[in-house]
Amino acid sequence: MRFVLIDRFLELEPGRRAVARKVFRPEEEVFLDHFPGLPVVPGVLLTEAMGQTAGWLLAAGYGFARWPLLVMVEKAKFRRLVRPGEELVLSATVTQRGQEDFEARTVAEAAGERVADARLLFHVFDLPGDARLRESLAEWGRQTFASLRPEGGV
């Protein structure tokens, strides 16, 4: 399983708001045990997908030289079961709360219905390691982010 839980960004307002798409495929290994005969997307993966929508938005704003660390999940609500194959639309609106702290209001919808939402708090930090490692991680971020954007960008 890849741990980039966004298939594609649909909208992007740098430093402010992002909308992304994700479909958890029925053949993904997680559904073997969650649950046999009744596959359901785990709430923790919904939370991670919402967090990544906000996190990629924040990292891109720093040119991938700094990265957001999820430090708190507040008021997470899971409103109904999400089944594999459902298309999720993930949205995140980000507000700066301190020099290096950000709040993200996140929502996951399926077929126009809100299925989950959460308030997520992030702290932005410098990448660790030597200059070569930092540049390698930043380049990975740039390439991965570019692969999540439609041709011509958003």
Protein backbone atom coordinates (compact mmCIF):
# COMPACT_ATOMS: atom_id res chain seq x y z
CA MET A 1 0.00 0.00 0.00
CA ARG A 2 1.31 3.43 -0.90
CA PHE A 3 0.86 5.86 1.91
CA VAL A 4 0.02 8.86 -0.23
CA LEU A 5 -3.73 8.84 0.36
CA ILE A 6 -4.68 11.37 -2.30
CA ASP A 7 -5.28 10.37 -5.90
CA ARG A 8 -5.48 13.86 -7.36
CA PHE A 9 -5.91 17.48 -6.36
CA LEU A 10 -9.00 19.07 -7.89
CA GLU A 11 -8.58 22.62 -6.59
CA LEU A 12 -5.71 24.46 -4.97
CA GLU A 13 -5.51 27.94 -3.48
CA PRO A 14 -1.88 28.12 -2.28
CA GLY A 15 -1.59 28.68 1.46
CA ARG A 16 -5.35 28.66 1.94
CA ARG A 17 -7.48 25.82 0.58
CA ALA A 18 -7.29 22.51 -1.27
CA VAL A 19 -9.76 19.98 -2.61
CA ALA A 20 -8.60 16.46 -3.49
CA ARG A 21 -10.02 13.14 -4.66
CA LYS A 22 -9.44 9.65 -3.23
CA VAL A 23 -10.91 6.25 -4.04
CA PHE A 24 -9.92 3.35 -1.79
CA ARG A 25 -9.87 0.35 -4.12
CA PRO A 26 -11.63 -2.88 -3.09
CA GLU A 27 -8.46 -4.94 -3.66
CA GLU A 28 -6.41 -2.94 -1.13
CA GLU A 29 -5.01 -5.19 1.59
CA VAL A 30 -6.58 -3.26 4.47
CA PHE A 31 -10.01 -4.62 3.51
CA LEU A 32 -8.98 -8.23 4.15
CA ASP A 33 -9.31 -7.58 7.88
CA HIS A 34 -11.49 -4.46 8.06
CA PHE A 35 -13.90 -6.26 7.90
CA PRO A 36 -14.25 -9.71 6.28
CA GLY A 37 -17.51 -9.67 4.32
CA LEU A 38 -18.15 -6.00 5.14
CA PRO A 39 -15.18 -3.95 3.93
CA VAL A 40 -15.11 -0.47 5.46
CA VAL A 41 -12.51 2.30 5.11
CA PRO A 42 -10.91 2.71 8.57
CA GLY A 43 -11.57 6.06 10.23
CA VAL A 44 -7.85 6.52 10.79
CA LEU A 45 -7.29 6.36 7.00
CA LEU A 46 -10.07 8.90 6.42
CA THR A 47 -8.37 11.16 8.97
CA GLU A 48 -4.98 10.64 7.31
CA ALA A 49 -6.41 11.45 3.86
CA MET A 50 -7.95 14.67 5.19
CA GLY A 51 -4.65 15.46 6.93
CA GLN A 52 -2.65 14.85 3.78
CA THR A 53 -4.91 17.20 1.84
CA ALA A 54 -3.96 19.96 4.30
CA GLY A 55 -0.37 18.76 4.73
CA TRP A 56 0.54 18.78 1.03
CA LEU A 57 -0.98 22.26 0.75
CA LEU A 58 1.21 23.51 3.62
CA ALA A 59 4.39 21.77 2.42
CA ALA A 60 3.95 23.20 -1.08
CA GLY A 61 3.70 26.67 0.43
CA TYR A 62 7.21 26.22 1.82
CA GLY A 63 8.63 24.79 -1.41
CA PHE A 64 8.97 21.45 0.41
CA ALA A 65 11.92 22.82 2.42
CA ARG A 66 9.71 22.68 5.53
CA TRP A 67 7.07 20.07 6.34
CA PRO A 68 3.94 20.08 8.48
CA LEU A 69 3.71 17.65 11.37
CA LEU A 70 0.21 16.71 12.50
CA VAL A 71 0.21 17.45 16.23
CA MET A 72 -3.47 17.24 17.16
CA VAL A 73 -6.74 15.85 15.88
CA GLU A 74 -9.76 17.61 17.37
CA LYS A 75 -13.47 17.11 16.92
CA ALA A 76 -13.12 14.24 14.45
CA LYS A 77 -16.54 12.95 13.46
CA PHE A 78 -17.28 9.92 11.34
CA ARG A 79 -20.83 10.28 10.11
CA ARG A 80 -21.31 7.06 8.16
CA LEU A 81 -19.39 4.03 6.92
CA VAL A 82 -17.32 4.52 3.77
CA ARG A 83 -17.06 1.52 1.50
CA PRO A 84 -14.25 0.71 -0.93
CA GLY A 85 -14.88 2.11 -4.40
CA GLU A 86 -16.67 5.23 -3.18
CA GLU A 87 -15.17 8.45 -4.51
CA LEU A 88 -14.19 10.76 -1.68
CA VAL A 89 -13.84 14.50 -2.11
CA LEU A 90 -11.50 15.82 0.58
CA SER A 91 -11.32 19.51 1.41
CA ALA A 92 -9.07 21.46 3.73
CA THR A 93 -9.10 25.13 4.64
CA VAL A 94 -5.94 26.26 6.43
CA THR A 95 -5.47 29.18 8.82
CA GLN A 96 -2.17 30.23 10.39
CA ARG A 97 -2.36 30.20 14.21
CA GLY A 98 1.21 31.15 15.11
CA GLN A 99 4.57 31.59 13.45
CA GLU A 100 4.82 27.87 12.69
CA ASP A 101 1.38 26.59 13.68
CA PHE A 102 -1.65 26.04 11.46
CA GLU A 103 -5.25 24.90 11.87
CA ALA A 104 -6.97 22.94 9.11
CA ARG A 105 -10.74 22.49 8.91
CA THR A 106 -11.17 19.30 6.92
CA VAL A 107 -14.15 17.51 5.38
CA ALA A 108 -14.59 14.22 3.51
CA GLU A 109 -17.65 13.79 1.29
CA ALA A 110 -18.98 10.88 -0.77
CA ALA A 111 -21.76 11.38 -3.33
CA GLY A 112 -22.27 14.91 -1.98
CA GLU A 113 -22.80 13.66 1.58
CA ARG A 114 -20.46 14.59 4.43
CA VAL A 115 -18.97 11.35 5.76
CA ALA A 116 -16.26 12.73 8.08
CA ASP A 117 -14.77 15.98 9.29
CA ALA A 118 -12.08 17.09 11.72
CA ARG A 119 -10.13 20.05 12.98
CA LEU A 120 -6.42 19.27 12.57
CA LEU A 121 -3.49 21.20 14.02
CA PHE A 122 -0.07 21.23 12.38
CA HIS A 123 3.38 22.49 13.35
CA VAL A 124 5.76 23.24 10.47
CA PHE A 125 9.38 22.14 10.91
CA ASP A 126 12.65 22.18 8.98
CA LEU A 127 13.65 18.91 7.37
CA PRO A 128 16.28 17.04 9.43
CA GLY A 129 19.62 15.70 8.26
CA ASP A 130 22.42 16.99 6.11
CA ALA A 131 21.91 19.22 3.08
CA ARG A 132 21.89 16.28 0.67
CA LEU A 133 19.17 14.44 2.59
CA ARG A 134 17.10 17.62 2.95
CA GLU A 135 17.30 18.28 -0.80
CA SER A 136 16.44 14.65 -1.57
CA LEU A 137 13.33 14.84 0.64
CA ALA A 138 12.34 18.20 -0.83
CA GLU A 139 12.72 16.83 -4.36
CA TRP A 140 10.60 13.79 -3.48
CA GLY A 141 7.94 16.21 -2.17
CA ARG A 142 8.00 18.31 -5.34
CA GLN A 143 7.77 15.28 -7.62
CA THR A 144 5.03 13.58 -5.62
CA PHE A 145 3.01 16.79 -5.38
CA ALA A 146 3.38 17.35 -9.14
CA SER A 147 2.07 13.82 -9.77
CA LEU A 148 -1.06 14.65 -7.75
CA ARG A 149 -1.91 17.68 -9.85
CA PRO A 150 -3.76 17.39 -13.15
CA GLU A 151 -1.95 18.30 -16.35
CA GLY A 152 -1.64 22.07 -16.50
CA GLY A 153 -1.86 22.29 -12.71
CA VAL A 154 -4.65 23.55 -10.50
